[in-house]
Amino acid sequence: MPDTSPDLDLALGFTIPGRHARGRVVRLGPVVDRILSAHAYPAPIEALLAEALTLTALIGSTLKDAGGQLTLQAQTDNGIVSLLVCDYRGGELRGYVQFDAGRLADAPIAPSLFALFGAGYLAITFDQATTGERYQGIVPLDGESLADAASAYFLQSEQIPTLIRLGIAPGNRVTGGLFLQHLPEGEEGRERLHVRQNHPEWEHVAVLGATMGADELTDTALPLETLVWRLFNEEPEVRILARQPIVRGCRCSPDYIAQVLAKFPEEDQREMADDSGVITVDCAFCAQKFPVSVGNRCES
């Protein structure tokens, strides 16, 4: 029998050789639901984190280094949201938000990006496990969405024209995203050809990509391959890459936390412990509490 299950918690990559472009589509469901359910965030914060998780999955799933990590961090000194962090490593996705509930209550029902962050910034960090190298770019949180800020990052930090589309299904924890980039073609004199913003090949790809709506990205009845076909069916060649499953992943565990606490001097551990000699550590990502005895033994 054919597989009729919806395309959820998956990333699908593709390339368009004739246009010197690559792309990726992502659709998330249970992964986003599990992450959001752990926190009971207000609706505007849920929507923001869902968008950030989708963006992180889009960019992170392009990593060639299987052990590499992509971290997306949005921060401000005087906004409703003080910190947003998401990361992706080896198909595992996680994220959380710190915010001022009082200021959020005074904000509009659907606050803008500026209302949430004010004069904030977006930092995108690539950690390469194989080489140990780290690359980071920081851009202002300008524009209407995190997608706008991320597109600006790739243009300013890497000089790669990029289009990002994100969508969230109304009243449903299903999200989708499209990521398109113009690939380097070499050099002509001192000019890197892919830097040209008016390159006709990239303009064609970007115009088509901009037609992809949130309703299509989040429609679980549409296979991811169908989304790619709808956009680029007139191209002579589109190469579809292997699907990549995405899971909710948090690297905290009683053993790991005990190892971290063991690095503190015994005096500091005693100060952190309660009257019964137990240090309770809260994981911001998964919202679990981990009780650990001062003697570095995890409580059951």
Protein backbone atom coordinates (compact mmCIF):
# COMPACT_ATOMS: atom_id res chain seq x y z
CA MET A 1 0.00 0.00 0.00
CA PRO A 2 1.25 3.54 -0.69
CA ASP A 3 2.45 5.67 2.22
CA THR A 4 -0.28 8.21 2.94
CA SER A 5 1.22 9.69 6.12
CA PRO A 6 1.69 13.47 6.03
CA ASP A 7 5.09 14.99 5.40
CA LEU A 8 5.92 16.29 8.87
CA ASP A 9 9.19 16.82 10.75
CA LEU A 10 11.16 16.54 7.55
CA ALA A 11 13.63 18.60 5.52
CA LEU A 12 14.09 18.09 1.79
CA GLY A 13 16.98 19.60 -0.12
CA PHE A 14 17.24 20.24 -3.85
CA THR A 15 19.46 21.93 -6.40
CA ILE A 16 18.72 23.65 -9.71
CA PRO A 17 21.96 23.28 -11.69
CA GLY A 18 20.84 25.42 -14.62
CA ARG A 19 20.13 28.36 -12.29
CA HIS A 20 23.15 27.93 -9.99
CA ALA A 21 20.77 27.66 -7.04
CA ARG A 22 20.05 25.38 -4.14
CA GLY A 23 17.04 25.12 -1.87
CA ARG A 24 15.39 23.38 1.02
CA VAL A 25 11.84 22.90 2.19
CA VAL A 26 10.90 22.01 5.76
CA ARG A 27 7.62 21.11 7.39
CA LEU A 28 7.34 20.62 11.16
CA GLY A 29 4.48 19.28 13.27
CA PRO A 30 4.92 17.02 16.31
CA VAL A 31 8.41 18.41 16.93
CA VAL A 32 7.13 21.98 17.27
CA ASP A 33 4.13 20.81 19.30
CA ARG A 34 6.34 18.98 21.78
CA ILE A 35 8.72 21.93 22.23
CA LEU A 36 5.91 24.46 22.70
CA SER A 37 3.87 22.20 24.98
CA ALA A 38 6.72 22.05 27.49
CA HIS A 39 6.51 25.80 28.17
CA ALA A 40 2.88 27.01 27.96
CA TYR A 41 3.94 30.27 26.30
CA PRO A 42 1.40 33.01 25.44
CA ALA A 43 0.23 32.92 21.82
CA PRO A 44 2.58 35.66 20.47
CA ILE A 45 5.61 33.97 22.05
CA GLU A 46 4.52 30.57 20.74
CA ALA A 47 4.25 32.00 17.22
CA LEU A 48 7.67 33.64 17.50
CA LEU A 49 9.36 30.44 18.72
CA ALA A 50 7.58 28.32 16.09
CA GLU A 51 8.90 30.67 13.40
CA ALA A 52 12.41 30.58 14.88
CA LEU A 53 12.42 26.78 15.10
CA THR A 54 11.41 26.49 11.47
CA LEU A 55 14.11 28.93 10.42
CA THR A 56 16.70 27.02 12.47
CA ALA A 57 15.67 23.72 10.88
CA LEU A 58 15.88 25.26 7.40
CA ILE A 59 19.41 26.59 7.86
CA GLY A 60 20.70 23.85 10.15
CA SER A 61 19.70 21.04 7.80
CA THR A 62 22.04 22.49 5.16
CA LEU A 63 25.09 21.65 7.28
CA LYS A 64 27.34 19.13 5.56
CA ASP A 65 29.14 18.29 8.81
CA ALA A 66 26.91 15.69 10.48
CA GLY A 67 28.20 16.67 13.91
CA GLY A 68 28.04 20.40 13.26
CA GLN A 69 25.66 22.74 15.03
CA LEU A 70 23.68 25.78 13.94
CA THR A 71 22.63 28.19 16.68
CA LEU A 72 20.20 31.04 16.13
CA GLN A 73 20.02 33.68 18.84
CA ALA A 74 17.91 36.84 18.92
CA GLN A 75 18.46 39.29 21.74
CA THR A 76 17.81 42.83 22.92
CA ASP A 77 18.60 44.90 25.99
CA ASN A 78 15.18 46.54 26.32
CA GLY A 79 12.51 44.53 24.56
CA ILE A 80 9.61 42.30 25.57
CA VAL A 81 11.75 39.35 24.51
CA SER A 82 15.14 39.41 26.21
CA LEU A 83 16.47 36.21 24.63
CA LEU A 84 15.45 33.67 22.00
CA VAL A 85 17.69 30.66 21.37
CA CYS A 86 17.27 27.74 18.99
CA ASP A 87 19.79 25.21 17.77
CA TYR A 88 20.05 22.30 15.38
CA ARG A 89 22.53 19.44 15.53
CA GLY A 90 22.37 16.11 13.75
CA GLY A 91 18.66 16.41 13.02
CA GLU A 92 17.83 17.42 16.61
CA LEU A 93 16.01 20.71 17.14
CA ARG A 94 15.37 22.66 20.34
CA GLY A 95 14.61 26.22 21.48
CA TYR A 96 13.25 28.51 24.18
CA VAL A 97 12.33 32.16 24.83
CA GLN A 98 12.83 34.49 27.80
CA PHE A 99 10.34 37.36 27.91
CA ASP A 100 8.69 39.95 30.16
CA ALA A 101 5.12 38.78 30.75
CA GLY A 102 4.01 42.16 32.11
CA ARG A 103 5.22 44.09 29.09
CA LEU A 104 3.75 41.48 26.76
CA ALA A 105 0.33 41.96 28.40
CA ASP A 106 0.48 45.66 27.53
CA ALA A 107 1.47 45.00 23.90
CA PRO A 108 -0.89 44.61 20.93
CA ILE A 109 -2.52 41.20 20.42
CA ALA A 110 -0.19 40.51 17.50
CA PRO A 111 2.99 42.48 18.32
CA SER A 112 5.41 43.28 15.53
CA LEU A 113 9.01 42.12 15.49
CA PHE A 114 10.09 45.59 16.60
CA ALA A 115 7.55 45.56 19.44
CA LEU A 116 8.98 42.26 20.67
CA PHE A 117 12.67 43.08 20.31
CA GLY A 118 13.06 46.82 19.89
CA ALA A 119 16.60 47.53 18.69
CA GLY A 120 17.56 43.87 18.80
CA TYR A 121 19.97 41.76 16.80
CA LEU A 122 20.13 38.29 15.30
CA ALA A 123 23.24 36.13 15.65
CA ILE A 124 23.69 32.99 13.54
CA THR A 125 26.55 30.70 14.54
CA PHE A 126 27.93 27.68 12.68
CA ASP A 127 30.05 25.26 14.74
CA GLN A 128 31.97 22.73 12.64
CA ALA A 129 32.57 19.52 14.58
CA THR A 130 35.14 18.11 12.15
CA THR A 131 37.45 21.13 12.08
CA GLY A 132 36.46 22.76 15.37
CA GLU A 133 35.95 26.06 13.55
CA ARG A 134 33.21 28.53 14.45
CA TYR A 135 31.62 31.14 12.19
CA GLN A 136 29.23 33.80 13.43
CA GLY A 137 27.40 36.69 11.83
CA ILE A 138 25.31 39.35 13.57
CA VAL A 139 22.70 41.58 11.93
CA PRO A 140 20.04 43.99 13.26
CA LEU A 141 16.54 42.61 13.68
CA ASP A 142 15.20 44.80 10.92
CA GLY A 143 12.28 43.97 8.67
CA GLU A 144 8.94 42.38 9.38
CA SER A 145 10.10 38.92 10.43
CA LEU A 146 12.97 36.69 11.48
CA ALA A 147 13.09 35.52 7.87
CA ASP A 148 13.93 39.07 6.74
CA ALA A 149 16.74 39.31 9.30
CA ALA A 150 18.16 35.92 8.31
CA SER A 151 18.12 36.86 4.62
CA ALA A 152 20.04 40.03 5.51
CA TYR A 153 22.56 37.91 7.42
CA PHE A 154 23.40 35.80 4.37
CA LEU A 155 23.66 38.83 2.13
CA GLN A 156 25.81 40.90 4.51
CA SER A 157 27.91 38.21 6.19
CA GLU A 158 28.35 35.71 3.36
CA GLN A 159 27.46 37.82 0.32
CA ILE A 160 25.01 35.16 -0.85
CA PRO A 161 21.59 36.28 -2.15
CA THR A 162 19.01 34.33 -0.17
CA LEU A 163 15.22 34.04 -0.04
CA ILE A 164 13.45 32.63 3.01
CA ARG A 165 9.71 32.01 3.34
CA LEU A 166 8.12 30.86 6.60
CA GLY A 167 4.54 29.90 7.40
CA ILE A 168 2.48 28.82 10.41
CA ALA A 169 -0.90 27.13 10.03
CA PRO A 170 -3.62 29.18 11.80
CA GLY A 171 -4.71 27.49 15.02
CA ASN A 172 -2.42 24.54 14.39
CA ARG A 173 1.12 23.73 15.39
CA VAL A 174 2.24 22.96 11.86
CA THR A 175 4.92 25.14 10.30
CA GLY A 176 6.72 25.21 6.98
CA GLY A 177 9.62 26.97 5.36
CA LEU A 178 11.39 27.49 2.06
CA PHE A 179 15.08 28.39 1.75
CA LEU A 180 16.65 29.40 -1.57
CA GLN A 181 20.21 30.52 -2.29
CA HIS A 182 22.22 31.58 -5.29
CA LEU A 183 25.39 29.50 -5.50
CA PRO A 184 28.89 30.78 -6.39
CA GLU A 185 29.75 30.54 -10.07
CA GLY A 186 33.41 31.46 -9.85
CA GLU A 187 35.03 34.81 -10.47
CA GLU A 188 35.22 37.25 -13.31
CA GLY A 189 38.05 39.67 -12.74
CA ARG A 190 37.72 40.57 -9.06
CA GLU A 191 33.96 40.23 -8.95
CA ARG A 192 32.37 37.13 -7.51
CA LEU A 193 29.52 36.48 -9.91
CA HIS A 194 27.04 35.29 -7.29
CA VAL A 195 27.26 38.62 -5.48
CA ARG A 196 25.43 40.41 -8.27
CA GLN A 197 21.93 41.18 -7.05
CA ASN A 198 20.61 41.66 -10.58
CA HIS A 199 21.80 38.32 -11.87
CA PRO A 200 18.95 37.11 -14.11
CA GLU A 201 19.28 33.47 -13.03
CA TRP A 202 18.86 34.38 -9.37
CA GLU A 203 16.08 36.87 -10.09
CA HIS A 204 14.11 34.11 -11.82
CA VAL A 205 14.52 31.70 -8.91
CA ALA A 206 13.70 34.38 -6.31
CA VAL A 207 10.55 35.52 -8.12
CA LEU A 208 9.25 31.94 -8.27
CA GLY A 209 10.15 31.28 -4.64
CA ALA A 210 8.31 34.40 -3.49
CA THR A 211 5.05 32.93 -4.80
CA MET A 212 5.12 30.11 -2.26
CA GLY A 213 2.47 30.84 0.37
CA ALA A 214 2.14 29.79 4.00
CA ASP A 215 -0.93 27.71 3.12
CA GLU A 216 1.12 25.53 0.78
CA LEU A 217 4.09 25.25 3.12
CA THR A 218 1.86 23.99 5.94
CA ASP A 219 -0.52 21.82 3.91
CA THR A 220 0.18 18.30 5.20
CA ALA A 221 -1.62 16.81 2.19
CA LEU A 222 1.13 18.15 -0.11
CA PRO A 223 4.34 16.10 -0.23
CA LEU A 224 7.47 18.22 -0.01
CA GLU A 225 8.47 17.06 -3.48
CA THR A 226 5.21 18.51 -4.79
CA LEU A 227 6.11 21.94 -3.39
CA VAL A 228 9.41 21.86 -5.27
CA TRP A 229 7.69 20.68 -8.45
CA ARG A 230 5.09 23.47 -8.26
CA LEU A 231 7.82 26.09 -8.21
CA PHE A 232 10.34 24.69 -10.67
CA ASN A 233 8.55 22.22 -12.94
CA GLU A 234 9.62 24.19 -16.03
CA GLU A 235 13.34 23.84 -15.25
CA PRO A 236 15.27 21.33 -17.39
CA GLU A 237 16.73 19.70 -14.27
CA VAL A 238 15.95 19.76 -10.54
CA ARG A 239 17.91 17.37 -8.35
CA ILE A 240 16.08 16.15 -5.25
CA LEU A 241 18.27 15.21 -2.29
CA ALA A 242 17.58 12.68 0.46
CA ARG A 243 14.96 13.53 3.05
CA GLN A 244 16.23 14.42 6.51
CA PRO A 245 14.07 13.57 9.55
CA ILE A 246 13.95 16.16 12.34
CA VAL A 247 13.32 15.33 15.99
CA ARG A 248 12.97 17.32 19.17
CA GLY A 249 16.31 17.00 20.93
CA CYS A 250 17.59 18.26 24.26
CA ARG A 251 21.04 17.22 25.39
CA CYS A 252 20.34 17.60 29.09
CA SER A 253 20.31 14.48 31.27
CA PRO A 254 20.89 13.75 34.96
CA ASP A 255 24.37 12.40 34.23
CA TYR A 256 25.36 15.37 32.08
CA ILE A 257 24.14 17.91 34.64
CA ALA A 258 25.92 16.06 37.45
CA GLN A 259 29.15 16.21 35.42
CA VAL A 260 28.74 19.96 34.92
CA LEU A 261 28.06 20.60 38.61
CA ALA A 262 31.04 18.45 39.56
CA LYS A 263 33.31 21.06 37.97
CA PHE A 264 32.30 23.62 40.62
CA PRO A 265 34.19 23.73 43.93
CA GLU A 266 32.46 21.85 46.75
CA GLU A 267 31.86 25.11 48.62
CA ASP A 268 29.97 26.55 45.62
CA GLN A 269 27.95 23.36 45.31
CA ARG A 270 26.87 23.60 48.96
CA GLU A 271 25.77 27.20 48.44
CA MET A 272 23.62 26.16 45.46
CA ALA A 273 22.03 23.25 47.35
CA ASP A 274 18.84 23.40 49.41
CA ASP A 275 18.53 22.31 53.05
CA SER A 276 18.45 18.65 52.04
CA GLY A 277 21.69 18.97 50.08
CA VAL A 278 20.09 18.82 46.64
CA ILE A 279 20.75 21.20 43.75
CA THR A 280 17.75 21.48 41.42
CA VAL A 281 18.72 22.46 37.88
CA ASP A 282 16.08 23.71 35.44
CA CYS A 283 16.69 23.10 31.73
CA ALA A 284 15.49 26.15 29.79
CA PHE A 285 15.10 24.09 26.60
CA CYS A 286 12.96 21.18 27.78
CA ALA A 287 11.58 22.76 31.01
CA GLN A 288 12.54 19.71 33.06
CA LYS A 289 13.95 19.86 36.59
CA PHE A 290 16.98 17.75 37.50
CA PRO A 291 17.70 17.22 41.22
CA VAL A 292 21.35 16.45 41.90
CA SER A 293 22.92 15.82 45.31
CA VAL A 294 25.91 17.85 46.37
CA GLY A 295 27.92 14.65 46.21
CA ASN A 296 27.36 14.64 42.41
CA ARG A 297 24.89 11.75 42.70
CA CYS A 298 21.66 12.18 40.71
CA GLU A 299 18.50 11.82 42.71
CA SER A 300 15.99 9.26 41.50
